[in-house]
Amino acid sequence: PVVNIKDLGILRDVELNGDSCIVTITPTYSGCPAMKLIEDQIKS
């Protein structure tokens, strides 16, 4: 929790179009158990 998803390099890109957004992320490992939580936090 002391590092954020941007500084860790998980957050890769953002495409913004009005009130919609596509956020590109890359997991640190293909089976990283934290990715679903990260997705939910991004949406929230």
PDB file of all heavy atoms in Angstrom:
ATOM      1  N   PRO A   1       0.772  -1.248   0.000  1.00  0.00           N
ATOM      2  CA  PRO A   1       0.000   0.000   0.000  1.00  0.00           C
ATOM      3  C   PRO A   1       0.802   1.296   0.000  1.00  0.00           C
ATOM      4  O   PRO A   1       0.214   2.359  -0.177  1.00  0.00           O
ATOM      5  CB  PRO A   1      -0.847  -0.123   1.267  1.00  0.00           C
ATOM      6  CG  PRO A   1      -0.126  -1.087   2.139  1.00  0.00           C
ATOM      7  CD  PRO A   1       0.580  -2.030   1.221  1.00  0.00           C
ATOM      8  N   VAL A   2       2.115   1.239   0.135  1.00  0.00           N
ATOM      9  CA  VAL A   2       2.900   2.482   0.123  1.00  0.00           C
ATOM     10  C   VAL A   2       3.225   2.943  -1.295  1.00  0.00           C
ATOM     11  O   VAL A   2       3.732   4.045  -1.472  1.00  0.00           O
ATOM     12  CB  VAL A   2       4.212   2.352   0.940  1.00  0.00           C
ATOM     13  CG1 VAL A   2       3.901   2.140   2.409  1.00  0.00           C
ATOM     14  CG2 VAL A   2       5.110   1.285   0.378  1.00  0.00           C
ATOM     15  N   VAL A   3       2.946   2.106  -2.287  1.00  0.00           N
ATOM     16  CA  VAL A   3       3.172   2.498  -3.678  1.00  0.00           C
ATOM     17  C   VAL A   3       1.836   2.470  -4.424  1.00  0.00           C
ATOM     18  O   VAL A   3       0.975   1.641  -4.133  1.00  0.00           O
ATOM     19  CB  VAL A   3       4.213   1.606  -4.393  1.00  0.00           C
ATOM     20  CG1 VAL A   3       5.590   1.821  -3.817  1.00  0.00           C
ATOM     21  CG2 VAL A   3       3.845   0.151  -4.345  1.00  0.00           C
ATOM     22  N   ASN A   4       1.702   3.378  -5.383  1.00  0.00           N
ATOM     23  CA  ASN A   4       0.460   3.420  -6.151  1.00  0.00           C
ATOM     24  C   ASN A   4       0.611   2.664  -7.473  1.00  0.00           C
ATOM     25  O   ASN A   4       1.725   2.322  -7.877  1.00  0.00           O
ATOM     26  CB  ASN A   4      -0.006   4.863  -6.362  1.00  0.00           C
ATOM     27  CG  ASN A   4       0.948   5.666  -7.213  1.00  0.00           C
ATOM     28  OD1 ASN A   4       1.241   5.316  -8.353  1.00  0.00           O
ATOM     29  ND2 ASN A   4       1.443   6.780  -6.671  1.00  0.00           N
ATOM     30  N   ILE A   5      -0.516   2.429  -8.126  1.00  0.00           N
ATOM     31  CA  ILE A   5      -0.500   1.620  -9.343  1.00  0.00           C
ATOM     32  C   ILE A   5       0.227   2.306 -10.496  1.00  0.00           C
ATOM     33  O   ILE A   5       0.754   1.623 -11.374  1.00  0.00           O
ATOM     34  CB  ILE A   5      -1.914   1.191  -9.767  1.00  0.00           C
ATOM     35  CG1 ILE A   5      -2.807   2.390 -10.106  1.00  0.00           C
ATOM     36  CG2 ILE A   5      -2.555   0.308  -8.698  1.00  0.00           C
ATOM     37  CD1 ILE A   5      -4.146   2.019 -10.745  1.00  0.00           C
ATOM     38  N   LYS A   6       0.305   3.632 -10.459  1.00  0.00           N
ATOM     39  CA  LYS A   6       1.051   4.339 -11.506  1.00  0.00           C
ATOM     40  C   LYS A   6       2.546   4.169 -11.288  1.00  0.00           C
ATOM     41  O   LYS A   6       3.281   3.803 -12.208  1.00  0.00           O
ATOM     42  CB  LYS A   6       0.678   5.823 -11.511  1.00  0.00           C
ATOM     43  CG  LYS A   6       1.416   6.635 -12.555  1.00  0.00           C
ATOM     44  CD  LYS A   6       0.978   8.088 -12.526  1.00  0.00           C
ATOM     45  CE  LYS A   6       1.785   8.938 -13.445  1.00  0.00           C
ATOM     46  NZ  LYS A   6       3.050   9.379 -12.847  1.00  0.00           N
ATOM     47  N   ASP A   7       3.025   4.437 -10.064  1.00  0.00           N
ATOM     48  CA  ASP A   7       4.459   4.328  -9.784  1.00  0.00           C
ATOM     49  C   ASP A   7       4.971   2.894  -9.856  1.00  0.00           C
ATOM     50  O   ASP A   7       6.152   2.665 -10.084  1.00  0.00           O
ATOM     51  CB  ASP A   7       4.791   4.928  -8.416  1.00  0.00           C
ATOM     52  CG  ASP A   7       4.780   6.447  -8.449  1.00  0.00           C
ATOM     53  OD1 ASP A   7       4.819   7.028  -9.549  1.00  0.00           O
ATOM     54  OD2 ASP A   7       4.739   7.057  -7.365  1.00  0.00           O
ATOM     55  N   LEU A   8       4.080   1.931  -9.654  1.00  0.00           N
ATOM     56  CA  LEU A   8       4.474   0.529  -9.765  1.00  0.00           C
ATOM     57  C   LEU A   8       4.534   0.086 -11.226  1.00  0.00           C
ATOM     58  O   LEU A   8       5.124  -0.937 -11.539  1.00  0.00           O
ATOM     59  CB  LEU A   8       3.499  -0.359  -8.976  1.00  0.00           C
ATOM     60  CG  LEU A   8       3.982  -1.734  -8.581  1.00  0.00           C
ATOM     61  CD1 LEU A   8       5.315  -1.695  -7.844  1.00  0.00           C
ATOM     62  CD2 LEU A   8       2.941  -2.427  -7.725  1.00  0.00           C
ATOM     63  N   GLY A   9       3.952   0.880 -12.118  1.00  0.00           N
ATOM     64  CA  GLY A   9       4.001   0.564 -13.542  1.00  0.00           C
ATOM     65  C   GLY A   9       2.849  -0.294 -14.020  1.00  0.00           C
ATOM     66  O   GLY A   9       2.857  -0.757 -15.161  1.00  0.00           O
ATOM     67  N   ILE A  10       1.852  -0.499 -13.182  1.00  0.00           N
ATOM     68  CA  ILE A  10       0.674  -1.283 -13.570  1.00  0.00           C
ATOM     69  C   ILE A  10      -0.216  -0.463 -14.505  1.00  0.00           C
ATOM     70  O   ILE A  10      -0.760  -0.973 -15.479  1.00  0.00           O
ATOM     71  CB  ILE A  10      -0.111  -1.725 -12.313  1.00  0.00           C
ATOM     72  CG1 ILE A  10       0.717  -2.720 -11.505  1.00  0.00           C
ATOM     73  CG2 ILE A  10      -1.471  -2.306 -12.689  1.00  0.00           C
ATOM     74  CD1 ILE A  10       0.131  -3.047 -10.141  1.00  0.00           C
ATOM     75  N   LEU A  11      -0.375   0.818 -14.215  1.00  0.00           N
ATOM     76  CA  LEU A  11      -1.197   1.723 -15.018  1.00  0.00           C
ATOM     77  C   LEU A  11      -0.409   2.096 -16.271  1.00  0.00           C
ATOM     78  O   LEU A  11       0.629   2.750 -16.189  1.00  0.00           O
ATOM     79  CB  LEU A  11      -1.538   2.968 -14.195  1.00  0.00           C
ATOM     80  CG  LEU A  11      -2.358   4.046 -14.876  1.00  0.00           C
ATOM     81  CD1 LEU A  11      -3.712   3.520 -15.334  1.00  0.00           C
ATOM     82  CD2 LEU A  11      -2.535   5.228 -13.923  1.00  0.00           C
ATOM     83  N   ARG A  12      -0.895   1.684 -17.434  1.00  0.00           N
ATOM     84  CA  ARG A  12      -0.135   1.866 -18.669  1.00  0.00           C
ATOM     85  C   ARG A  12      -0.640   3.011 -19.548  1.00  0.00           C
ATOM     86  O   ARG A  12       0.141   3.752 -20.111  1.00  0.00           O
ATOM     87  CB  ARG A  12      -0.138   0.566 -19.492  1.00  0.00           C
ATOM     88  CG  ARG A  12       0.424  -0.636 -18.773  1.00  0.00           C
ATOM     89  CD  ARG A  12       1.845  -0.466 -18.262  1.00  0.00           C
ATOM     90  NE  ARG A  12       2.734  -0.132 -19.339  1.00  0.00           N
ATOM     91  CZ  ARG A  12       3.830   0.592 -19.195  1.00  0.00           C
ATOM     92  NH1 ARG A  12       4.185   1.027 -18.019  1.00  0.00           N
ATOM     93  NH2 ARG A  12       4.579   0.872 -20.227  1.00  0.00           N
ATOM     94  N   ASP A  13      -1.970   3.112 -19.700  1.00  0.00           N
ATOM     95  CA  ASP A  13      -2.488   4.133 -20.612  1.00  0.00           C
ATOM     96  C   ASP A  13      -3.928   4.456 -20.269  1.00  0.00           C
ATOM     97  O   ASP A  13      -4.599   3.691 -19.565  1.00  0.00           O
ATOM     98  CB  ASP A  13      -2.404   3.640 -22.064  1.00  0.00           C
ATOM     99  CG  ASP A  13      -2.556   4.755 -23.083  1.00  0.00           C
ATOM    100  OD1 ASP A  13      -2.383   5.939 -22.718  1.00  0.00           O
ATOM    101  OD2 ASP A  13      -2.854   4.446 -24.249  1.00  0.00           O
ATOM    102  N   VAL A  14      -4.372   5.585 -20.796  1.00  0.00           N
ATOM    103  CA  VAL A  14      -5.738   6.053 -20.594  1.00  0.00           C
ATOM    104  C   VAL A  14      -6.240   6.633 -21.911  1.00  0.00           C
ATOM    105  O   VAL A  14      -5.517   7.394 -22.557  1.00  0.00           O
ATOM    106  CB  VAL A  14      -5.787   7.143 -19.493  1.00  0.00           C
ATOM    107  CG1 VAL A  14      -7.127   7.836 -19.479  1.00  0.00           C
ATOM    108  CG2 VAL A  14      -5.459   6.562 -18.136  1.00  0.00           C
ATOM    109  N   GLU A  15      -7.437   6.244 -22.303  1.00  0.00           N
ATOM    110  CA  GLU A  15      -8.117   6.847 -23.454  1.00  0.00           C
ATOM    111  C   GLU A  15      -9.396   7.469 -22.916  1.00  0.00           C
ATOM    112  O   GLU A  15     -10.231   6.764 -22.355  1.00  0.00           O
ATOM    113  CB  GLU A  15      -8.444   5.798 -24.515  1.00  0.00           C
ATOM    114  CG  GLU A  15      -7.241   5.140 -25.135  1.00  0.00           C
ATOM    115  CD  GLU A  15      -7.624   3.992 -26.048  1.00  0.00           C
ATOM    116  OE1 GLU A  15      -8.539   4.161 -26.880  1.00  0.00           O
ATOM    117  OE2 GLU A  15      -7.019   2.920 -25.899  1.00  0.00           O
ATOM    118  N   LEU A  16      -9.534   8.759 -23.089  1.00  0.00           N
ATOM    119  CA  LEU A  16     -10.660   9.497 -22.524  1.00  0.00           C
ATOM    120  C   LEU A  16     -11.534  10.018 -23.648  1.00  0.00           C
ATOM    121  O   LEU A  16     -11.047  10.579 -24.628  1.00  0.00           O
ATOM    122  CB  LEU A  16     -10.113  10.653 -21.683  1.00  0.00           C
ATOM    123  CG  LEU A  16     -11.034  11.389 -20.756  1.00  0.00           C
ATOM    124  CD1 LEU A  16     -11.673  10.432 -19.746  1.00  0.00           C
ATOM    125  CD2 LEU A  16     -10.283  12.483 -20.030  1.00  0.00           C
ATOM    126  N   ASN A  17     -12.850   9.821 -23.498  1.00  0.00           N
ATOM    127  CA  ASN A  17     -13.805  10.318 -24.482  1.00  0.00           C
ATOM    128  C   ASN A  17     -15.054  10.781 -23.749  1.00  0.00           C
ATOM    129  O   ASN A  17     -15.955   9.983 -23.482  1.00  0.00           O
ATOM    130  CB  ASN A  17     -14.134   9.232 -25.514  1.00  0.00           C
ATOM    131  CG  ASN A  17     -15.012   9.746 -26.632  1.00  0.00           C
ATOM    132  OD1 ASN A  17     -15.187  10.945 -26.792  1.00  0.00           O
ATOM    133  ND2 ASN A  17     -15.572   8.833 -27.398  1.00  0.00           N
ATOM    134  N   GLY A  18     -15.077  12.056 -23.361  1.00  0.00           N
ATOM    135  CA  GLY A  18     -16.219  12.587 -22.625  1.00  0.00           C
ATOM    136  C   GLY A  18     -16.336  11.945 -21.262  1.00  0.00           C
ATOM    137  O   GLY A  18     -15.420  12.002 -20.460  1.00  0.00           O
ATOM    138  N   ASP A  19     -17.500  11.313 -21.001  1.00  0.00           N
ATOM    139  CA  ASP A  19     -17.681  10.667 -19.698  1.00  0.00           C
ATOM    140  C   ASP A  19     -17.420   9.166 -19.757  1.00  0.00           C
ATOM    141  O   ASP A  19     -17.882   8.409 -18.919  1.00  0.00           O
ATOM    142  CB  ASP A  19     -19.074  10.964 -19.127  1.00  0.00           C
ATOM    143  CG  ASP A  19     -20.185  10.274 -19.892  1.00  0.00           C
ATOM    144  OD1 ASP A  19     -19.929   9.801 -21.017  1.00  0.00           O
ATOM    145  OD2 ASP A  19     -21.304  10.197 -19.353  1.00  0.00           O
ATOM    146  N   SER A  20     -16.652   8.738 -20.776  1.00  0.00           N
ATOM    147  CA  SER A  20     -16.227   7.335 -20.832  1.00  0.00           C
ATOM    148  C   SER A  20     -14.708   7.277 -20.923  1.00  0.00           C
ATOM    149  O   SER A  20     -14.054   8.218 -21.368  1.00  0.00           O
ATOM    150  CB  SER A  20     -16.870   6.598 -22.014  1.00  0.00           C
ATOM    151  OG  SER A  20     -16.348   7.065 -23.232  1.00  0.00           O
ATOM    152  N   CYS A  21     -14.170   6.153 -20.460  1.00  0.00           N
ATOM    153  CA  CYS A  21     -12.720   6.039 -20.360  1.00  0.00           C
ATOM    154  C   CYS A  21     -12.302   4.580 -20.512  1.00  0.00           C
ATOM    155  O   CYS A  21     -12.971   3.680 -20.000  1.00  0.00           O
ATOM    156  CB  CYS A  21     -12.277   6.574 -18.999  1.00  0.00           C
ATOM    157  SG  CYS A  21     -10.505   6.675 -18.778  1.00  0.00           S
ATOM    158  N   ILE A  22     -11.205   4.365 -21.227  1.00  0.00           N
ATOM    159  CA  ILE A  22     -10.585   3.041 -21.304  1.00  0.00           C
ATOM    160  C   ILE A  22      -9.250   3.157 -20.579  1.00  0.00           C
ATOM    161  O   ILE A  22      -8.416   4.003 -20.911  1.00  0.00           O
ATOM    162  CB  ILE A  22     -10.363   2.584 -22.757  1.00  0.00           C
ATOM    163  CG1 ILE A  22     -11.684   2.489 -23.506  1.00  0.00           C
ATOM    164  CG2 ILE A  22      -9.631   1.242 -22.785  1.00  0.00           C
ATOM    165  CD1 ILE A  22     -11.538   2.245 -24.998  1.00  0.00           C
ATOM    166  N   VAL A  23      -9.066   2.312 -19.572  1.00  0.00           N
ATOM    167  CA  VAL A  23      -7.837   2.321 -18.789  1.00  0.00           C
ATOM    168  C   VAL A  23      -7.087   1.025 -19.075  1.00  0.00           C
ATOM    169  O   VAL A  23      -7.632  -0.063 -18.904  1.00  0.00           O
ATOM    170  CB  VAL A  23      -8.131   2.448 -17.276  1.00  0.00           C
ATOM    171  CG1 VAL A  23      -6.850   2.408 -16.475  1.00  0.00           C
ATOM    172  CG2 VAL A  23      -8.910   3.719 -16.985  1.00  0.00           C
ATOM    173  N   THR A  24      -5.861   1.160 -19.527  1.00  0.00           N
ATOM    174  CA  THR A  24      -5.028  -0.004 -19.833  1.00  0.00           C
ATOM    175  C   THR A  24      -4.105  -0.280 -18.655  1.00  0.00           C
ATOM    176  O   THR A  24      -3.392   0.619 -18.192  1.00  0.00           O
ATOM    177  CB  THR A  24      -4.197   0.245 -21.108  1.00  0.00           C
ATOM    178  OG1 THR A  24      -5.095   0.547 -22.186  1.00  0.00           O
ATOM    179  CG2 THR A  24      -3.367  -0.979 -21.468  1.00  0.00           C
ATOM    180  N   ILE A  25      -4.136  -1.524 -18.181  1.00  0.00           N
ATOM    181  CA  ILE A  25      -3.283  -1.941 -17.073  1.00  0.00           C
ATOM    182  C   ILE A  25      -2.565  -3.240 -17.444  1.00  0.00           C
ATOM    183  O   ILE A  25      -3.036  -4.001 -18.291  1.00  0.00           O
ATOM    184  CB  ILE A  25      -4.068  -2.118 -15.752  1.00  0.00           C
ATOM    185  CG1 ILE A  25      -5.223  -3.119 -15.903  1.00  0.00           C
ATOM    186  CG2 ILE A  25      -4.583  -0.777 -15.257  1.00  0.00           C
ATOM    187  CD1 ILE A  25      -5.997  -3.403 -14.615  1.00  0.00           C
ATOM    188  N   THR A  26      -1.439  -3.456 -16.799  1.00  0.00           N
ATOM    189  CA  THR A  26      -0.655  -4.677 -16.983  1.00  0.00           C
ATOM    190  C   THR A  26      -0.359  -5.262 -15.607  1.00  0.00           C
ATOM    191  O   THR A  26       0.173  -4.557 -14.748  1.00  0.00           O
ATOM    192  CB  THR A  26       0.669  -4.385 -17.716  1.00  0.00           C
ATOM    193  OG1 THR A  26       0.371  -3.855 -19.005  1.00  0.00           O
ATOM    194  CG2 THR A  26       1.513  -5.641 -17.878  1.00  0.00           C
ATOM    195  N   PRO A  27      -0.698  -6.533 -15.388  1.00  0.00           N
ATOM    196  CA  PRO A  27      -0.407  -7.139 -14.087  1.00  0.00           C
ATOM    197  C   PRO A  27       1.084  -7.388 -13.915  1.00  0.00           C
ATOM    198  O   PRO A  27       1.805  -7.608 -14.886  1.00  0.00           O
ATOM    199  CB  PRO A  27      -1.181  -8.455 -14.131  1.00  0.00           C
ATOM    200  CG  PRO A  27      -1.296  -8.783 -15.578  1.00  0.00           C
ATOM    201  CD  PRO A  27      -1.360  -7.468 -16.304  1.00  0.00           C
ATOM    202  N   THR A  28       1.529  -7.349 -12.670  1.00  0.00           N
ATOM    203  CA  THR A  28       2.935  -7.654 -12.399  1.00  0.00           C
ATOM    204  C   THR A  28       3.228  -9.123 -12.685  1.00  0.00           C
ATOM    205  O   THR A  28       4.334  -9.470 -13.071  1.00  0.00           O
ATOM    206  CB  THR A  28       3.306  -7.326 -10.939  1.00  0.00           C
ATOM    207  OG1 THR A  28       2.411  -8.024 -10.070  1.00  0.00           O
ATOM    208  CG2 THR A  28       3.223  -5.837 -10.675  1.00  0.00           C
ATOM    209  N   TYR A  29       2.241  -9.959 -12.485  1.00  0.00           N
ATOM    210  CA  TYR A  29       2.314 -11.383 -12.818  1.00  0.00           C
ATOM    211  C   TYR A  29       0.996 -11.747 -13.479  1.00  0.00           C
ATOM    212  O   TYR A  29      -0.039 -11.194 -13.120  1.00  0.00           O
ATOM    213  CB  TYR A  29       2.478 -12.249 -11.554  1.00  0.00           C
ATOM    214  CG  TYR A  29       3.885 -12.306 -11.024  1.00  0.00           C
ATOM    215  CD1 TYR A  29       4.368 -11.334 -10.167  1.00  0.00           C
ATOM    216  CD2 TYR A  29       4.735 -13.349 -11.375  1.00  0.00           C
ATOM    217  CE1 TYR A  29       5.653 -11.372  -9.673  1.00  0.00           C
ATOM    218  CE2 TYR A  29       6.026 -13.408 -10.894  1.00  0.00           C
ATOM    219  CZ  TYR A  29       6.482 -12.419 -10.041  1.00  0.00           C
ATOM    220  OH  TYR A  29       7.749 -12.471  -9.570  1.00  0.00           O
ATOM    221  N   SER A  30       1.016 -12.709 -14.392  1.00  0.00           N
ATOM    222  CA  SER A  30      -0.213 -13.054 -15.104  1.00  0.00           C
ATOM    223  C   SER A  30      -1.305 -13.555 -14.162  1.00  0.00           C
ATOM    224  O   SER A  30      -2.479 -13.386 -14.440  1.00  0.00           O
ATOM    225  CB  SER A  30       0.059 -14.078 -16.209  1.00  0.00           C
ATOM    226  OG  SER A  30       0.595 -15.256 -15.668  1.00  0.00           O
ATOM    227  N   GLY A  31      -0.947 -14.123 -13.051  1.00  0.00           N
ATOM    228  CA  GLY A  31      -1.940 -14.614 -12.100  1.00  0.00           C
ATOM    229  C   GLY A  31      -2.057 -13.754 -10.859  1.00  0.00           C
ATOM    230  O   GLY A  31      -2.498 -14.235  -9.821  1.00  0.00           O
ATOM    231  N   CYS A  32      -1.690 -12.491 -10.956  1.00  0.00           N
ATOM    232  CA  CYS A  32      -1.702 -11.607  -9.786  1.00  0.00           C
ATOM    233  C   CYS A  32      -3.110 -11.526  -9.197  1.00  0.00           C
ATOM    234  O   CYS A  32      -4.051 -11.109  -9.883  1.00  0.00           O
ATOM    235  CB  CYS A  32      -1.215 -10.219 -10.163  1.00  0.00           C
ATOM    236  SG  CYS A  32      -1.254  -9.041  -8.788  1.00  0.00           S
ATOM    237  N   PRO A  33      -3.270 -11.920  -7.930  1.00  0.00           N
ATOM    238  CA  PRO A  33      -4.605 -11.936  -7.325  1.00  0.00           C
ATOM    239  C   PRO A  33      -5.170 -10.551  -7.035  1.00  0.00           C
ATOM    240  O   PRO A  33      -6.356 -10.409  -6.778  1.00  0.00           O
ATOM    241  CB  PRO A  33      -4.381 -12.712  -6.020  1.00  0.00           C
ATOM    242  CG  PRO A  33      -2.953 -12.498  -5.694  1.00  0.00           C
ATOM    243  CD  PRO A  33      -2.237 -12.403  -7.014  1.00  0.00           C
ATOM    244  N   ALA A  34      -4.349  -9.525  -7.123  1.00  0.00           N
ATOM    245  CA  ALA A  34      -4.803  -8.170  -6.788  1.00  0.00           C
ATOM    246  C   ALA A  34      -5.467  -7.453  -7.971  1.00  0.00           C
ATOM    247  O   ALA A  34      -6.064  -6.397  -7.787  1.00  0.00           O
ATOM    248  CB  ALA A  34      -3.625  -7.343  -6.292  1.00  0.00           C
ATOM    249  N   MET A  35      -5.386  -8.008  -9.167  1.00  0.00           N
ATOM    250  CA  MET A  35      -5.853  -7.285 -10.347  1.00  0.00           C
ATOM    251  C   MET A  35      -7.350  -6.988 -10.338  1.00  0.00           C
ATOM    252  O   MET A  35      -7.770  -5.906 -10.746  1.00  0.00           O
ATOM    253  CB  MET A  35      -5.445  -8.013 -11.635  1.00  0.00           C
ATOM    254  CG  MET A  35      -3.936  -8.063 -11.851  1.00  0.00           C
ATOM    255  SD  MET A  35      -3.080  -6.477 -11.627  1.00  0.00           S
ATOM    256  CE  MET A  35      -3.703  -5.532 -12.994  1.00  0.00           C
ATOM    257  N   LYS A  36      -8.170  -7.895  -9.867  1.00  0.00           N
ATOM    258  CA  LYS A  36      -9.614  -7.647  -9.822  1.00  0.00           C
ATOM    259  C   LYS A  36      -9.914  -6.481  -8.885  1.00  0.00           C
ATOM    260  O   LYS A  36     -10.723  -5.596  -9.213  1.00  0.00           O
ATOM    261  CB  LYS A  36     -10.363  -8.908  -9.383  1.00  0.00           C
ATOM    262  CG  LYS A  36     -11.855  -8.709  -9.168  1.00  0.00           C
ATOM    263  CD  LYS A  36     -12.584  -8.370 -10.454  1.00  0.00           C
ATOM    264  CE  LYS A  36     -14.088  -8.367 -10.255  1.00  0.00           C
ATOM    265  NZ  LYS A  36     -14.721  -7.114 -10.531  1.00  0.00           N
ATOM    266  N   LEU A  37      -9.255  -6.436  -7.746  1.00  0.00           N
ATOM    267  CA  LEU A  37      -9.436  -5.329  -6.812  1.00  0.00           C
ATOM    268  C   LEU A  37      -8.967  -4.016  -7.439  1.00  0.00           C
ATOM    269  O   LEU A  37      -9.634  -2.983  -7.313  1.00  0.00           O
ATOM    270  CB  LEU A  37      -8.698  -5.591  -5.499  1.00  0.00           C
ATOM    271  CG  LEU A  37      -8.802  -4.501  -4.437  1.00  0.00           C
ATOM    272  CD1 LEU A  37     -10.253  -4.210  -4.075  1.00  0.00           C
ATOM    273  CD2 LEU A  37      -8.005  -4.895  -3.201  1.00  0.00           C
ATOM    274  N   ILE A  38      -7.852  -4.043  -8.138  1.00  0.00           N
ATOM    275  CA  ILE A  38      -7.340  -2.841  -8.805  1.00  0.00           C
ATOM    276  C   ILE A  38      -8.345  -2.359  -9.852  1.00  0.00           C
ATOM    277  O   ILE A  38      -8.633  -1.165  -9.945  1.00  0.00           O
ATOM    278  CB  ILE A  38      -5.945  -3.090  -9.413  1.00  0.00           C
ATOM    279  CG1 ILE A  38      -4.908  -3.261  -8.301  1.00  0.00           C
ATOM    280  CG2 ILE A  38      -5.551  -1.964 -10.366  1.00  0.00           C
ATOM    281  CD1 ILE A  38      -3.543  -3.730  -8.767  1.00  0.00           C
ATOM    282  N   GLU A  39      -8.899  -3.271 -10.625  1.00  0.00           N
ATOM    283  CA  GLU A  39      -9.928  -2.909 -11.615  1.00  0.00           C
ATOM    284  C   GLU A  39     -11.107  -2.211 -10.937  1.00  0.00           C
ATOM    285  O   GLU A  39     -11.579  -1.169 -11.402  1.00  0.00           O
ATOM    286  CB  GLU A  39     -10.432  -4.149 -12.345  1.00  0.00           C
ATOM    287  CG  GLU A  39      -9.467  -4.754 -13.320  1.00  0.00           C
ATOM    288  CD  GLU A  39     -10.050  -5.968 -14.033  1.00  0.00           C
ATOM    289  OE1 GLU A  39     -11.262  -5.962 -14.346  1.00  0.00           O
ATOM    290  OE2 GLU A  39      -9.300  -6.918 -14.283  1.00  0.00           O
ATOM    291  N   ASP A  40     -11.583  -2.803  -9.862  1.00  0.00           N
ATOM    292  CA  ASP A  40     -12.724  -2.230  -9.125  1.00  0.00           C
ATOM    293  C   ASP A  40     -12.391  -0.846  -8.568  1.00  0.00           C
ATOM    294  O   ASP A  40     -13.219   0.063  -8.611  1.00  0.00           O
ATOM    295  CB  ASP A  40     -13.155  -3.159  -7.987  1.00  0.00           C
ATOM    296  CG  ASP A  40     -13.757  -4.472  -8.486  1.00  0.00           C
ATOM    297  OD1 ASP A  40     -14.113  -4.562  -9.686  1.00  0.00           O
ATOM    298  OD2 ASP A  40     -13.853  -5.411  -7.666  1.00  0.00           O
ATOM    299  N   GLN A  41     -11.176  -0.679  -8.068  1.00  0.00           N
ATOM    300  CA  GLN A  41     -10.767   0.619  -7.510  1.00  0.00           C
ATOM    301  C   GLN A  41     -10.665   1.681  -8.601  1.00  0.00           C
ATOM    302  O   GLN A  41     -11.007   2.847  -8.376  1.00  0.00           O
ATOM    303  CB  GLN A  41      -9.448   0.481  -6.761  1.00  0.00           C
ATOM    304  CG  GLN A  41      -9.582  -0.286  -5.465  1.00  0.00           C
ATOM    305  CD  GLN A  41      -8.236  -0.518  -4.787  1.00  0.00           C
ATOM    306  OE1 GLN A  41      -7.218  -0.708  -5.429  1.00  0.00           O
ATOM    307  NE2 GLN A  41      -8.256  -0.485  -3.465  1.00  0.00           N
ATOM    308  N   ILE A  42     -10.191   1.292  -9.781  1.00  0.00           N
ATOM    309  CA  ILE A  42     -10.108   2.231 -10.909  1.00  0.00           C
ATOM    310  C   ILE A  42     -11.513   2.705 -11.286  1.00  0.00           C
ATOM    311  O   ILE A  42     -11.755   3.910 -11.427  1.00  0.00           O
ATOM    312  CB  ILE A  42      -9.407   1.567 -12.121  1.00  0.00           C
ATOM    313  CG1 ILE A  42      -7.909   1.394 -11.845  1.00  0.00           C
ATOM    314  CG2 ILE A  42      -9.645   2.379 -13.394  1.00  0.00           C
ATOM    315  CD1 ILE A  42      -7.179   0.537 -12.865  1.00  0.00           C
ATOM    316  N   LYS A  43     -12.431   1.766 -11.421  1.00  0.00           N
ATOM    317  CA  LYS A  43     -13.810   2.121 -11.795  1.00  0.00           C
ATOM    318  C   LYS A  43     -14.436   3.032 -10.740  1.00  0.00           C
ATOM    319  O   LYS A  43     -15.052   4.051 -11.075  1.00  0.00           O
ATOM    320  CB  LYS A  43     -14.642   0.857 -11.983  1.00  0.00           C
ATOM    321  CG  LYS A  43     -14.260   0.076 -13.224  1.00  0.00           C
ATOM    322  CD  LYS A  43     -15.056  -1.227 -13.332  1.00  0.00           C
ATOM    323  CE  LYS A  43     -14.605  -2.016 -14.544  1.00  0.00           C
ATOM    324  NZ  LYS A  43     -15.300  -3.310 -14.648  1.00  0.00           N
ATOM    325  N   SER A  44     -14.276   2.688  -9.481  1.00  0.00           N
ATOM    326  CA  SER A  44     -14.853   3.500  -8.398  1.00  0.00           C
ATOM    327  C   SER A  44     -14.261   4.902  -8.365  1.00  0.00           C
ATOM    328  O   SER A  44     -14.988   5.891  -8.205  1.00  0.00           O
ATOM    329  CB  SER A  44     -14.620   2.825  -7.048  1.00  0.00           C
ATOM    330  OG  SER A  44     -15.339   1.621  -6.966  1.00  0.00           O
TER     331      SER A  44
END
